[in-house]
N, C-alpha and C. Protein backbone atom coordinates (compact mmCIF):
# COMPACT_ATOMS: atom_id res chain seq x y z
N MET A 1 36.46 -34.99 -19.94
CA MET A 1 36.60 -33.64 -20.44
C MET A 1 35.78 -33.50 -21.73
N MET A 2 35.07 -32.42 -21.83
CA MET A 2 34.25 -32.14 -23.00
C MET A 2 35.08 -31.44 -24.09
N THR A 3 34.84 -31.79 -25.33
CA THR A 3 35.56 -31.14 -26.43
C THR A 3 34.60 -30.33 -27.29
N VAL A 4 35.17 -29.38 -27.99
CA VAL A 4 34.40 -28.54 -28.91
C VAL A 4 35.10 -28.57 -30.25
N THR A 5 34.35 -28.78 -31.30
CA THR A 5 34.91 -28.75 -32.65
C THR A 5 34.44 -27.47 -33.33
N GLU A 6 35.39 -26.71 -33.82
CA GLU A 6 35.06 -25.49 -34.56
C GLU A 6 35.51 -25.66 -36.00
N LYS A 7 34.69 -25.21 -36.91
CA LYS A 7 35.02 -25.31 -38.33
C LYS A 7 34.92 -23.93 -38.96
N SER A 8 35.74 -23.72 -39.96
CA SER A 8 35.74 -22.43 -40.65
C SER A 8 36.12 -22.65 -42.11
N VAL A 9 35.60 -21.80 -42.96
CA VAL A 9 35.94 -21.84 -44.38
C VAL A 9 36.41 -20.44 -44.78
N VAL A 10 37.54 -20.38 -45.45
CA VAL A 10 38.02 -19.11 -45.99
C VAL A 10 37.88 -19.21 -47.51
N LYS A 11 36.97 -18.38 -48.04
CA LYS A 11 36.79 -18.34 -49.50
C LYS A 11 37.90 -17.48 -50.09
N THR A 12 38.44 -17.93 -51.21
CA THR A 12 39.53 -17.21 -51.86
C THR A 12 39.23 -17.03 -53.34
N GLU A 13 39.55 -15.85 -53.83
CA GLU A 13 39.44 -15.55 -55.25
C GLU A 13 40.69 -14.77 -55.63
N ALA A 14 41.32 -15.16 -56.72
CA ALA A 14 42.49 -14.44 -57.22
C ALA A 14 42.24 -14.09 -58.68
N ILE A 15 42.52 -12.84 -59.03
CA ILE A 15 42.36 -12.39 -60.41
C ILE A 15 43.74 -12.12 -60.99
N PHE A 16 44.09 -12.91 -62.01
CA PHE A 16 45.38 -12.84 -62.68
C PHE A 16 45.19 -12.44 -64.14
N SER A 17 46.29 -12.03 -64.76
CA SER A 17 46.30 -11.91 -66.22
C SER A 17 46.34 -13.34 -66.77
N ALA A 18 46.02 -13.51 -68.03
CA ALA A 18 45.96 -14.85 -68.63
C ALA A 18 47.29 -15.59 -68.52
N ASP A 19 48.40 -14.86 -68.60
CA ASP A 19 49.72 -15.49 -68.52
C ASP A 19 50.24 -15.63 -67.08
N LYS A 20 49.45 -15.22 -66.10
CA LYS A 20 49.77 -15.30 -64.67
C LYS A 20 50.99 -14.46 -64.27
N GLN A 21 51.39 -13.53 -65.12
CA GLN A 21 52.50 -12.63 -64.80
C GLN A 21 52.06 -11.49 -63.88
N TYR A 22 50.73 -11.23 -63.86
CA TYR A 22 50.19 -10.12 -63.08
C TYR A 22 49.03 -10.62 -62.22
N ARG A 23 49.06 -10.24 -60.95
CA ARG A 23 47.92 -10.53 -60.09
C ARG A 23 47.31 -9.19 -59.70
N TYR A 24 46.05 -9.04 -60.06
CA TYR A 24 45.36 -7.78 -59.84
C TYR A 24 44.64 -7.73 -58.49
N LEU A 25 44.21 -8.88 -58.00
CA LEU A 25 43.44 -8.89 -56.77
C LEU A 25 43.52 -10.26 -56.12
N LEU A 26 43.64 -10.26 -54.80
CA LEU A 26 43.54 -11.49 -54.02
C LEU A 26 42.49 -11.21 -52.95
N ARG A 27 41.39 -11.96 -53.01
CA ARG A 27 40.28 -11.76 -52.07
C ARG A 27 40.20 -12.96 -51.13
N LYS A 28 40.12 -12.67 -49.84
CA LYS A 28 39.93 -13.70 -48.83
C LYS A 28 38.73 -13.29 -47.98
N GLU A 29 37.79 -14.21 -47.79
CA GLU A 29 36.61 -13.93 -46.97
C GLU A 29 36.42 -15.06 -45.97
N TRP A 30 36.35 -14.68 -44.69
CA TRP A 30 36.14 -15.67 -43.64
C TRP A 30 34.85 -15.44 -42.87
N ASP A 31 34.24 -14.25 -43.00
CA ASP A 31 32.96 -13.99 -42.34
C ASP A 31 32.21 -12.93 -43.15
N LYS A 32 31.26 -13.36 -43.96
CA LYS A 32 30.54 -12.44 -44.86
C LYS A 32 29.67 -11.44 -44.11
N ASN A 33 29.44 -11.65 -42.82
CA ASN A 33 28.61 -10.74 -42.03
C ASN A 33 29.40 -9.60 -41.40
N LYS A 34 30.71 -9.61 -41.58
CA LYS A 34 31.55 -8.54 -41.01
C LYS A 34 32.04 -7.62 -42.12
N LYS A 35 32.67 -6.53 -41.70
CA LYS A 35 33.13 -5.52 -42.65
C LYS A 35 34.24 -6.03 -43.55
N LYS A 36 34.27 -5.44 -44.76
CA LYS A 36 35.25 -5.80 -45.78
C LYS A 36 36.25 -4.66 -45.91
N VAL A 37 37.51 -5.01 -46.08
CA VAL A 37 38.56 -4.01 -46.20
C VAL A 37 39.40 -4.29 -47.46
N MET A 38 39.91 -3.23 -48.05
CA MET A 38 40.86 -3.35 -49.14
C MET A 38 42.21 -2.88 -48.61
N VAL A 39 43.28 -3.64 -48.87
CA VAL A 39 44.62 -3.28 -48.45
C VAL A 39 45.45 -3.09 -49.71
N ILE A 40 46.08 -1.90 -49.82
CA ILE A 40 46.91 -1.60 -50.98
C ILE A 40 48.37 -1.67 -50.56
N MET A 41 49.10 -2.61 -51.18
CA MET A 41 50.52 -2.78 -50.88
C MET A 41 51.34 -2.48 -52.15
N ILE A 42 52.51 -3.09 -52.28
CA ILE A 42 53.44 -2.73 -53.33
C ILE A 42 53.34 -3.66 -54.54
N ASN A 43 53.74 -4.91 -54.36
CA ASN A 43 53.73 -5.93 -55.40
C ASN A 43 53.06 -7.18 -54.87
N PRO A 44 52.37 -7.93 -55.73
CA PRO A 44 51.82 -9.20 -55.25
C PRO A 44 52.92 -10.23 -55.05
N SER A 45 52.71 -11.07 -54.09
CA SER A 45 53.60 -12.20 -53.88
C SER A 45 53.09 -13.34 -54.76
N THR A 46 53.56 -14.51 -54.47
CA THR A 46 53.07 -15.68 -55.20
C THR A 46 51.83 -16.28 -54.54
N ALA A 47 51.31 -15.61 -53.51
CA ALA A 47 50.08 -16.09 -52.86
C ALA A 47 48.96 -16.15 -53.89
N ALA A 48 48.16 -17.18 -53.79
CA ALA A 48 47.05 -17.36 -54.74
C ALA A 48 45.89 -18.01 -54.00
N GLU A 49 45.19 -18.91 -54.68
CA GLU A 49 43.98 -19.49 -54.10
C GLU A 49 44.27 -20.27 -52.82
N VAL A 50 45.31 -21.10 -52.80
CA VAL A 50 45.60 -21.92 -51.64
C VAL A 50 46.91 -21.49 -50.97
N PHE A 51 47.95 -21.28 -51.76
CA PHE A 51 49.25 -20.91 -51.21
C PHE A 51 49.16 -19.54 -50.55
N ILE A 52 49.75 -19.42 -49.35
CA ILE A 52 49.74 -18.15 -48.63
C ILE A 52 51.17 -17.81 -48.21
N ASP A 53 51.54 -16.54 -48.37
CA ASP A 53 52.87 -16.08 -47.99
C ASP A 53 52.80 -15.35 -46.65
N HIS A 54 53.94 -14.92 -46.13
CA HIS A 54 53.97 -14.25 -44.83
C HIS A 54 53.18 -12.95 -44.82
N THR A 55 53.31 -12.14 -45.87
CA THR A 55 52.60 -10.86 -45.89
C THR A 55 51.09 -11.09 -45.81
N THR A 56 50.57 -11.99 -46.62
CA THR A 56 49.14 -12.28 -46.62
C THR A 56 48.71 -12.83 -45.26
N MET A 57 49.54 -13.66 -44.67
CA MET A 57 49.22 -14.23 -43.36
C MET A 57 49.12 -13.11 -42.30
N TYR A 58 50.09 -12.20 -42.27
CA TYR A 58 50.05 -11.10 -41.30
C TYR A 58 48.83 -10.20 -41.54
N VAL A 59 48.52 -9.95 -42.80
CA VAL A 59 47.36 -9.12 -43.13
C VAL A 59 46.09 -9.78 -42.60
N ILE A 60 45.88 -11.04 -42.93
CA ILE A 60 44.65 -11.73 -42.50
C ILE A 60 44.57 -11.84 -40.97
N ASN A 61 45.67 -12.21 -40.34
CA ASN A 61 45.66 -12.34 -38.88
C ASN A 61 45.29 -11.02 -38.20
N ASN A 62 45.89 -9.93 -38.64
CA ASN A 62 45.60 -8.63 -38.02
C ASN A 62 44.19 -8.16 -38.33
N LEU A 63 43.72 -8.37 -39.55
CA LEU A 63 42.36 -7.96 -39.88
C LEU A 63 41.33 -8.78 -39.11
N PHE A 64 41.61 -10.05 -38.92
CA PHE A 64 40.73 -10.90 -38.11
C PHE A 64 40.64 -10.35 -36.68
N LYS A 65 41.79 -10.00 -36.10
CA LYS A 65 41.82 -9.44 -34.74
C LYS A 65 41.09 -8.10 -34.67
N LEU A 66 41.07 -7.35 -35.76
CA LEU A 66 40.38 -6.06 -35.80
C LEU A 66 38.91 -6.21 -36.18
N ASP A 67 38.43 -7.44 -36.27
CA ASP A 67 37.03 -7.78 -36.49
C ASP A 67 36.52 -7.52 -37.91
N PHE A 68 37.41 -7.56 -38.89
CA PHE A 68 36.97 -7.55 -40.28
C PHE A 68 36.64 -8.98 -40.69
N GLY A 69 35.89 -9.14 -41.78
CA GLY A 69 35.50 -10.46 -42.23
C GLY A 69 35.99 -10.83 -43.62
N ALA A 70 36.59 -9.84 -44.33
CA ALA A 70 37.05 -10.11 -45.70
C ALA A 70 38.08 -9.06 -46.08
N VAL A 71 38.97 -9.43 -46.98
CA VAL A 71 39.99 -8.50 -47.47
C VAL A 71 40.17 -8.67 -48.97
N ASP A 72 40.34 -7.55 -49.65
CA ASP A 72 40.81 -7.53 -51.03
C ASP A 72 42.23 -6.97 -50.98
N ILE A 73 43.20 -7.78 -51.36
CA ILE A 73 44.59 -7.31 -51.41
C ILE A 73 44.90 -6.91 -52.84
N VAL A 74 45.29 -5.64 -53.00
CA VAL A 74 45.67 -5.10 -54.31
C VAL A 74 47.03 -4.45 -54.14
N ASN A 75 47.64 -4.06 -55.26
CA ASN A 75 49.01 -3.55 -55.21
C ASN A 75 49.21 -2.39 -56.17
N LEU A 76 50.21 -1.56 -55.85
CA LEU A 76 50.60 -0.48 -56.77
C LEU A 76 51.00 -1.06 -58.11
N PHE A 77 51.80 -2.11 -58.05
CA PHE A 77 52.32 -2.78 -59.24
C PHE A 77 51.83 -4.22 -59.24
N PRO A 78 51.15 -4.67 -60.29
CA PRO A 78 50.60 -6.03 -60.28
C PRO A 78 51.57 -7.13 -60.70
N ASN A 79 52.83 -6.78 -60.96
CA ASN A 79 53.82 -7.75 -61.43
C ASN A 79 54.13 -8.78 -60.36
N VAL A 80 53.82 -10.02 -60.61
CA VAL A 80 54.08 -11.09 -59.65
C VAL A 80 55.58 -11.28 -59.43
N ASN A 81 56.39 -10.95 -60.41
CA ASN A 81 57.84 -11.13 -60.29
C ASN A 81 58.50 -10.08 -59.41
N GLY A 82 57.73 -9.12 -58.90
CA GLY A 82 58.28 -8.13 -57.99
C GLY A 82 58.82 -6.88 -58.64
N SER A 83 58.72 -6.75 -59.94
CA SER A 83 59.24 -5.57 -60.62
C SER A 83 58.39 -4.35 -60.28
N ARG A 84 59.07 -3.24 -59.95
CA ARG A 84 58.37 -1.99 -59.66
C ARG A 84 58.61 -0.98 -60.77
N LYS A 85 58.93 -1.49 -61.94
CA LYS A 85 59.22 -0.62 -63.06
C LYS A 85 57.95 0.07 -63.53
N THR A 86 58.01 1.40 -63.63
CA THR A 86 56.85 2.13 -64.13
C THR A 86 57.11 2.68 -65.52
N LYS A 87 58.35 2.92 -65.85
CA LYS A 87 58.66 3.38 -67.20
C LYS A 87 58.52 2.20 -68.16
N GLY A 88 57.80 2.40 -69.23
CA GLY A 88 57.62 1.34 -70.20
C GLY A 88 56.66 0.26 -69.74
N SER A 89 55.84 0.56 -68.74
CA SER A 89 54.88 -0.44 -68.29
C SER A 89 53.82 -0.65 -69.37
N VAL A 90 53.12 -1.75 -69.28
CA VAL A 90 52.13 -2.12 -70.27
C VAL A 90 50.81 -1.41 -69.94
N PRO A 91 50.34 -0.51 -70.82
CA PRO A 91 49.13 0.27 -70.51
C PRO A 91 47.91 -0.57 -70.15
N GLU A 92 47.70 -1.69 -70.85
CA GLU A 92 46.51 -2.50 -70.54
C GLU A 92 46.64 -3.17 -69.17
N VAL A 93 47.87 -3.45 -68.74
CA VAL A 93 48.09 -4.02 -67.41
C VAL A 93 47.74 -2.97 -66.36
N ASP A 94 48.25 -1.75 -66.54
CA ASP A 94 47.96 -0.66 -65.60
C ASP A 94 46.46 -0.38 -65.56
N LYS A 95 45.83 -0.40 -66.71
CA LYS A 95 44.39 -0.11 -66.78
C LYS A 95 43.59 -1.18 -66.03
N GLU A 96 43.94 -2.46 -66.21
CA GLU A 96 43.25 -3.54 -65.52
C GLU A 96 43.49 -3.46 -64.01
N ASN A 97 44.72 -3.14 -63.62
CA ASN A 97 45.02 -3.01 -62.19
C ASN A 97 44.18 -1.89 -61.57
N GLU A 98 44.12 -0.76 -62.23
CA GLU A 98 43.33 0.37 -61.74
C GLU A 98 41.84 0.05 -61.71
N LYS A 99 41.38 -0.71 -62.69
CA LYS A 99 39.97 -1.13 -62.74
C LYS A 99 39.62 -1.98 -61.51
N GLN A 100 40.49 -2.93 -61.17
CA GLN A 100 40.25 -3.81 -60.02
C GLN A 100 40.31 -3.02 -58.71
N ILE A 101 41.25 -2.08 -58.61
CA ILE A 101 41.36 -1.25 -57.41
C ILE A 101 40.12 -0.39 -57.24
N ALA A 102 39.67 0.24 -58.32
CA ALA A 102 38.48 1.10 -58.25
C ALA A 102 37.25 0.30 -57.85
N ALA A 103 37.06 -0.89 -58.42
CA ALA A 103 35.90 -1.71 -58.10
C ALA A 103 35.93 -2.16 -56.64
N SER A 104 37.10 -2.54 -56.16
CA SER A 104 37.22 -2.96 -54.77
C SER A 104 37.01 -1.80 -53.82
N ALA A 105 37.56 -0.63 -54.15
CA ALA A 105 37.43 0.56 -53.29
C ALA A 105 35.97 0.93 -53.09
N GLU A 106 35.19 0.80 -54.15
CA GLU A 106 33.77 1.15 -54.07
C GLU A 106 33.03 0.25 -53.09
N LYS A 107 33.39 -1.04 -53.05
CA LYS A 107 32.68 -2.01 -52.22
C LYS A 107 33.22 -2.12 -50.79
N ALA A 108 34.44 -1.67 -50.57
CA ALA A 108 35.08 -1.84 -49.26
C ALA A 108 34.49 -0.89 -48.22
N ASP A 109 34.44 -1.37 -46.99
CA ASP A 109 34.06 -0.51 -45.87
C ASP A 109 35.22 0.36 -45.43
N SER A 110 36.45 -0.15 -45.60
CA SER A 110 37.67 0.58 -45.27
C SER A 110 38.73 0.25 -46.30
N ILE A 111 39.67 1.19 -46.47
CA ILE A 111 40.79 1.01 -47.40
C ILE A 111 42.05 1.34 -46.62
N ILE A 112 42.97 0.37 -46.55
CA ILE A 112 44.21 0.58 -45.82
C ILE A 112 45.35 0.80 -46.81
N ILE A 113 45.98 1.95 -46.71
CA ILE A 113 47.17 2.25 -47.51
C ILE A 113 48.34 1.63 -46.75
N ALA A 114 48.94 0.59 -47.33
CA ALA A 114 49.96 -0.18 -46.61
C ALA A 114 51.20 -0.43 -47.47
N TRP A 115 51.58 0.56 -48.27
CA TRP A 115 52.76 0.35 -49.11
C TRP A 115 54.04 0.79 -48.41
N GLY A 116 53.95 1.27 -47.21
CA GLY A 116 55.14 1.62 -46.44
C GLY A 116 55.88 2.81 -47.01
N SER A 117 57.20 2.78 -46.90
CA SER A 117 58.03 3.91 -47.32
C SER A 117 58.65 3.71 -48.69
N VAL A 118 58.14 2.78 -49.46
CA VAL A 118 58.75 2.39 -50.73
C VAL A 118 58.97 3.56 -51.69
N GLY A 119 58.13 4.58 -51.69
CA GLY A 119 58.25 5.65 -52.66
C GLY A 119 59.03 6.86 -52.20
N GLU A 120 59.61 6.82 -51.02
CA GLU A 120 60.25 8.00 -50.46
C GLU A 120 61.34 8.60 -51.34
N ASN A 121 62.10 7.77 -52.03
CA ASN A 121 63.22 8.28 -52.82
C ASN A 121 63.14 7.90 -54.29
N ASN A 122 61.93 7.63 -54.77
CA ASN A 122 61.79 7.20 -56.16
C ASN A 122 60.61 7.94 -56.80
N LYS A 123 60.91 8.81 -57.74
CA LYS A 123 59.88 9.63 -58.39
C LYS A 123 58.87 8.78 -59.15
N ASN A 124 59.32 7.70 -59.79
CA ASN A 124 58.40 6.85 -60.54
C ASN A 124 57.39 6.17 -59.61
N ILE A 125 57.87 5.70 -58.47
CA ILE A 125 56.95 5.06 -57.51
C ILE A 125 56.03 6.11 -56.91
N GLN A 126 56.55 7.30 -56.61
CA GLN A 126 55.72 8.38 -56.08
C GLN A 126 54.60 8.74 -57.07
N GLU A 127 54.94 8.73 -58.35
CA GLU A 127 53.92 9.02 -59.39
C GLU A 127 52.84 7.95 -59.38
N LYS A 128 53.24 6.69 -59.25
CA LYS A 128 52.27 5.59 -59.19
C LYS A 128 51.39 5.71 -57.95
N GLN A 129 52.00 6.06 -56.81
CA GLN A 129 51.24 6.25 -55.58
C GLN A 129 50.22 7.38 -55.75
N GLU A 130 50.63 8.46 -56.37
CA GLU A 130 49.71 9.58 -56.62
C GLU A 130 48.54 9.15 -57.51
N ASN A 131 48.83 8.35 -58.55
CA ASN A 131 47.76 7.85 -59.43
C ASN A 131 46.75 7.02 -58.64
N ILE A 132 47.25 6.14 -57.78
CA ILE A 132 46.36 5.29 -57.00
C ILE A 132 45.59 6.13 -55.98
N LEU A 133 46.24 7.09 -55.35
CA LEU A 133 45.54 7.96 -54.40
C LEU A 133 44.46 8.78 -55.10
N ASN A 134 44.72 9.24 -56.31
CA ASN A 134 43.69 9.95 -57.09
C ASN A 134 42.51 9.02 -57.37
N LEU A 135 42.82 7.76 -57.65
CA LEU A 135 41.78 6.77 -57.94
C LEU A 135 40.87 6.52 -56.73
N VAL A 136 41.45 6.50 -55.53
CA VAL A 136 40.65 6.23 -54.33
C VAL A 136 40.22 7.51 -53.60
N SER A 137 40.57 8.66 -54.13
CA SER A 137 40.23 9.93 -53.45
C SER A 137 38.73 10.13 -53.21
N PRO A 138 37.82 9.60 -54.06
CA PRO A 138 36.40 9.74 -53.72
C PRO A 138 36.01 9.02 -52.42
N TYR A 139 36.89 8.14 -51.94
CA TYR A 139 36.61 7.35 -50.74
C TYR A 139 37.53 7.76 -49.59
N GLU A 140 37.97 9.01 -49.58
CA GLU A 140 38.93 9.45 -48.57
C GLU A 140 38.44 9.19 -47.15
N ASP A 141 37.14 9.24 -46.94
CA ASP A 141 36.59 8.98 -45.60
C ASP A 141 36.81 7.52 -45.16
N LYS A 142 37.13 6.62 -46.09
CA LYS A 142 37.38 5.21 -45.76
C LYS A 142 38.87 4.89 -45.60
N LEU A 143 39.75 5.86 -45.92
CA LEU A 143 41.18 5.58 -45.96
C LEU A 143 41.80 5.50 -44.57
N LEU A 144 42.61 4.47 -44.38
CA LEU A 144 43.31 4.23 -43.12
C LEU A 144 44.77 3.91 -43.41
N SER A 145 45.59 3.96 -42.38
CA SER A 145 46.99 3.59 -42.46
C SER A 145 47.35 2.83 -41.20
N ILE A 146 48.35 1.97 -41.29
CA ILE A 146 48.81 1.21 -40.14
C ILE A 146 49.82 2.07 -39.38
N CYS A 147 49.68 2.10 -38.05
CA CYS A 147 50.68 2.82 -37.26
C CYS A 147 51.16 1.93 -36.12
N ASP A 148 52.36 2.24 -35.66
CA ASP A 148 52.94 1.47 -34.56
C ASP A 148 52.62 2.11 -33.22
N ASP A 149 53.11 1.51 -32.15
CA ASP A 149 52.81 2.02 -30.80
C ASP A 149 53.57 3.30 -30.45
N ARG A 150 54.48 3.72 -31.32
CA ARG A 150 55.19 4.99 -31.12
C ARG A 150 54.54 6.13 -31.89
N GLY A 151 53.49 5.81 -32.65
CA GLY A 151 52.78 6.84 -33.39
C GLY A 151 53.21 7.03 -34.82
N ASN A 152 54.13 6.21 -35.31
CA ASN A 152 54.57 6.31 -36.70
C ASN A 152 53.57 5.59 -37.60
N SER A 153 53.17 6.24 -38.68
CA SER A 153 52.20 5.62 -39.59
C SER A 153 52.82 5.40 -40.96
N GLY A 154 52.02 4.80 -41.85
CA GLY A 154 52.50 4.52 -43.20
C GLY A 154 53.44 3.33 -43.22
N ILE A 155 53.05 2.27 -42.55
CA ILE A 155 53.92 1.11 -42.37
C ILE A 155 53.41 -0.07 -43.21
N HIS A 156 54.35 -0.82 -43.78
CA HIS A 156 54.03 -2.03 -44.54
C HIS A 156 53.78 -3.19 -43.57
N PRO A 157 52.86 -4.10 -43.89
CA PRO A 157 52.54 -5.22 -43.00
C PRO A 157 53.70 -6.14 -42.63
N LEU A 158 54.78 -6.16 -43.40
CA LEU A 158 55.93 -7.00 -43.06
C LEU A 158 56.86 -6.36 -42.03
N SER A 159 56.65 -5.11 -41.70
CA SER A 159 57.51 -4.44 -40.73
C SER A 159 57.44 -5.17 -39.39
N PRO A 160 58.59 -5.55 -38.84
CA PRO A 160 58.59 -6.31 -37.58
C PRO A 160 57.86 -5.60 -36.43
N LYS A 161 57.85 -4.27 -36.43
CA LYS A 161 57.25 -3.56 -35.30
C LYS A 161 55.72 -3.63 -35.26
N ILE A 162 55.07 -4.07 -36.36
CA ILE A 162 53.60 -4.14 -36.35
C ILE A 162 53.06 -5.47 -36.87
N ARG A 163 53.91 -6.42 -37.15
CA ARG A 163 53.45 -7.69 -37.73
C ARG A 163 52.30 -8.34 -36.96
N TYR A 164 52.36 -8.26 -35.65
CA TYR A 164 51.41 -9.00 -34.82
C TYR A 164 50.32 -8.14 -34.20
N ASP A 165 50.43 -6.83 -34.35
CA ASP A 165 49.46 -5.96 -33.69
C ASP A 165 49.33 -4.63 -34.43
N TRP A 166 48.25 -4.47 -35.16
CA TRP A 166 48.02 -3.24 -35.91
C TRP A 166 47.17 -2.25 -35.12
N ASN A 167 47.52 -0.98 -35.27
CA ASN A 167 46.65 0.13 -34.91
C ASN A 167 46.36 0.84 -36.23
N LEU A 168 45.15 1.30 -36.41
CA LEU A 168 44.79 1.98 -37.64
C LEU A 168 44.47 3.44 -37.33
N ILE A 169 44.89 4.30 -38.25
CA ILE A 169 44.63 5.73 -38.13
C ILE A 169 44.07 6.21 -39.46
N LYS A 170 43.31 7.27 -39.43
CA LYS A 170 42.80 7.86 -40.67
C LYS A 170 43.98 8.27 -41.54
N PHE A 171 43.87 8.01 -42.83
CA PHE A 171 44.89 8.41 -43.80
C PHE A 171 44.38 9.63 -44.52
N ARG A 172 45.16 10.66 -44.55
CA ARG A 172 44.83 11.88 -45.28
C ARG A 172 45.66 11.92 -46.55
N ILE A 173 45.01 12.15 -47.67
CA ILE A 173 45.73 12.19 -48.94
C ILE A 173 46.77 13.31 -48.93
N LYS A 174 46.44 14.44 -48.36
CA LYS A 174 47.40 15.53 -48.18
C LYS A 174 47.66 15.65 -46.68
N PRO A 175 48.53 14.78 -46.12
CA PRO A 175 48.70 14.78 -44.67
C PRO A 175 49.41 16.02 -44.15
N THR A 176 49.02 16.43 -42.97
CA THR A 176 49.75 17.46 -42.26
C THR A 176 50.79 16.75 -41.42
N VAL A 177 51.72 17.48 -40.85
CA VAL A 177 52.72 16.85 -39.98
C VAL A 177 52.01 16.12 -38.85
N GLU A 178 50.99 16.75 -38.26
CA GLU A 178 50.23 16.13 -37.18
C GLU A 178 49.48 14.90 -37.67
N GLY A 179 49.02 14.90 -38.94
CA GLY A 179 48.26 13.79 -39.50
C GLY A 179 49.08 12.53 -39.69
N ARG A 180 50.41 12.64 -39.62
CA ARG A 180 51.26 11.48 -39.81
C ARG A 180 51.51 10.72 -38.51
N LYS A 181 51.06 11.27 -37.40
CA LYS A 181 51.26 10.63 -36.12
C LYS A 181 49.99 9.95 -35.65
N CYS A 182 50.13 8.79 -35.10
CA CYS A 182 49.00 8.04 -34.55
C CYS A 182 48.91 8.33 -33.07
N HIS A 183 47.82 8.84 -32.62
CA HIS A 183 47.59 9.12 -31.20
C HIS A 183 46.50 8.19 -30.71
N ALA A 184 46.54 7.89 -29.45
CA ALA A 184 45.55 6.97 -28.88
C ALA A 184 44.12 7.41 -29.20
N SER A 185 43.87 8.69 -29.20
CA SER A 185 42.51 9.16 -29.45
C SER A 185 42.10 9.02 -30.91
N SER A 186 43.09 8.87 -31.80
CA SER A 186 42.74 8.78 -33.21
C SER A 186 42.78 7.35 -33.74
N GLN A 187 43.09 6.40 -32.88
CA GLN A 187 43.11 5.01 -33.33
C GLN A 187 41.70 4.55 -33.64
N ILE A 188 41.60 3.70 -34.60
CA ILE A 188 40.31 3.15 -34.98
C ILE A 188 39.96 2.03 -34.02
N GLU A 189 38.87 2.16 -33.37
CA GLU A 189 38.42 1.12 -32.44
C GLU A 189 37.62 0.08 -33.19
N ARG A 190 37.83 -1.17 -32.92
CA ARG A 190 37.09 -2.27 -33.53
C ARG A 190 36.45 -3.09 -32.45
């Protein structure tokens, strides 16, 4: 029996604050010749250069299946400890987070809004989401959202219904009721 050996390298870059309390960006690249995507979620996990958590694993696996070659993972809140506190946040932390998001958005071929339903009942989180959407609004033509097979969009990568199989739909900053549903004809083909 003949065997085949395949090798692959995943380049990783993580940008933290000096005290490692904030992670502004986690970049993974497995094929520099394919499209690059930015995924915006809620809070960074403890994933870094080598260590990988479940959320990052699901993101990479799904993006690989969708034929992307690199991802920049950024978050609404850069606090590694999981805090979503917006009142009394540190201005220089917010400024650095927004700087990294803006730089990544400019270079990305696609931007996936993947923070799920976290802001539905929290005005402070909704305000943060609006700030980030204003920041990426010049790239609205690149904005996408994850949807399930029932047509529901705006889903976080950890949701059991889409962990293993993503469909992407255009994300509208001011969505209409119809714009929130994923239809077969509006799915992004890869």
